[in-house]
Protein backbone atom coordinates (compact mmCIF):
# COMPACT_ATOMS: atom_id res chain seq x y z
CA MET A 1 77.98 59.54 -11.02
CA ILE A 2 77.59 56.13 -12.76
CA ASP A 3 80.36 53.64 -11.99
CA PRO A 4 81.53 52.46 -15.57
CA SER A 5 82.96 49.26 -13.96
CA ALA A 6 79.62 48.23 -12.55
CA ARG A 7 78.30 45.01 -14.04
CA ARG A 8 75.10 45.50 -16.19
CA MET A 9 72.41 43.05 -16.50
CA PRO A 10 71.42 42.32 -20.04
CA MET A 11 67.98 43.28 -21.08
CA SER A 12 65.81 40.59 -22.70
CA PRO A 13 64.27 41.44 -26.14
CA GLU A 14 60.92 41.13 -24.52
CA THR A 15 61.68 43.70 -21.84
CA LEU A 16 63.26 45.98 -24.55
CA ALA A 17 60.07 45.76 -26.69
CA THR A 18 57.83 47.04 -23.77
CA LEU A 19 60.18 49.83 -22.91
CA GLY A 20 58.21 53.01 -23.55
CA GLU A 21 55.00 51.09 -24.18
CA ASN A 22 51.98 53.55 -24.02
CA ARG A 23 54.30 56.54 -23.86
CA VAL A 24 56.45 56.55 -26.96
CA ALA A 25 55.38 56.43 -30.60
CA TYR A 26 56.91 57.06 -34.02
CA ILE A 27 55.78 58.39 -37.34
CA LYS A 28 56.35 56.62 -40.52
CA ALA A 29 55.59 57.89 -44.04
CA ILE A 30 54.19 55.25 -46.43
CA ARG A 31 52.51 55.07 -49.80
CA SER A 32 48.70 55.22 -49.76
CA GLU A 33 48.61 51.83 -51.66
CA ASP A 34 50.39 50.14 -48.75
CA VAL A 35 47.84 51.19 -46.08
CA ALA A 36 45.89 48.09 -46.63
CA PHE A 37 48.79 45.99 -45.34
CA LEU A 38 48.63 47.74 -41.91
CA CYS A 39 45.66 45.98 -40.56
CA ALA A 40 42.39 44.33 -41.92
CA GLU A 41 40.32 47.42 -40.84
CA ALA A 42 42.51 49.97 -42.78
CA PRO A 43 40.81 51.94 -45.28
CA MET A 44 41.39 51.52 -49.08
CA LEU A 45 43.00 54.68 -50.42
CA GLU A 46 43.55 55.93 -53.89
CA PRO A 47 47.17 54.93 -54.86
CA GLY A 48 49.91 57.46 -55.38
CA TYR A 49 49.85 59.55 -52.21
CA GLN A 50 52.14 59.75 -49.26
CA VAL A 51 50.41 59.22 -45.87
CA PHE A 52 51.76 59.25 -42.37
CA VAL A 53 51.10 56.55 -39.77
CA LEU A 54 51.53 57.04 -36.05
CA HIS A 55 52.79 53.72 -34.60
CA ALA A 56 52.93 52.71 -30.92
CA ALA A 57 56.31 51.73 -29.61
CA ASP A 58 55.61 48.04 -30.55
CA GLY A 59 54.69 48.94 -34.10
CA THR A 60 51.00 48.84 -33.82
CA PRO A 61 49.41 51.51 -36.16
CA ILE A 62 47.37 54.02 -34.08
CA ILE A 63 46.51 56.90 -36.53
CA LEU A 64 46.57 57.42 -40.31
CA ALA A 65 47.05 61.07 -41.26
CA ASP A 66 47.53 63.05 -44.48
CA SER A 67 50.45 65.04 -43.06
CA HIS A 68 53.23 64.72 -40.63
CA GLU A 69 51.79 67.62 -38.69
CA SER A 70 48.46 65.81 -38.38
CA ALA A 71 50.25 62.67 -37.17
CA MET A 72 52.02 64.80 -34.55
CA ALA A 73 48.78 66.30 -33.31
CA GLY A 74 47.32 62.76 -33.01
CA ALA A 75 50.34 61.78 -30.92
CA ALA A 76 49.78 64.81 -28.66
CA SER A 77 46.09 64.06 -28.35
CA HIS A 78 47.06 60.53 -27.20
CA GLU A 79 49.66 62.04 -24.79
CA LEU A 80 52.45 60.26 -26.65
CA GLU A 81 55.96 61.32 -27.18
CA THR A 82 57.31 60.92 -30.69
CA VAL A 83 60.80 59.60 -31.38
CA SER A 84 62.79 59.71 -34.55
CA LEU A 85 63.78 56.60 -36.33
CA HIS A 86 67.16 56.23 -38.03
């Protein structure tokens, strides 16, 4: 059992940012016209569609997909666990 009176060391923002790195990812739905803002190599897409981006824990885009299911499959193929954002 964890002792609730035990003193906890604060975690630095840098340490928190690397927590789950290379193991955890999240999926975010965006508009197709916003894909160009992800990175310089992102493809230009016809505007007006919803697309899904698999992001690494640090926010780096990994995969661009046309469905949430495809993004989930991409996470599985990269052996990443997806988490929900609220």
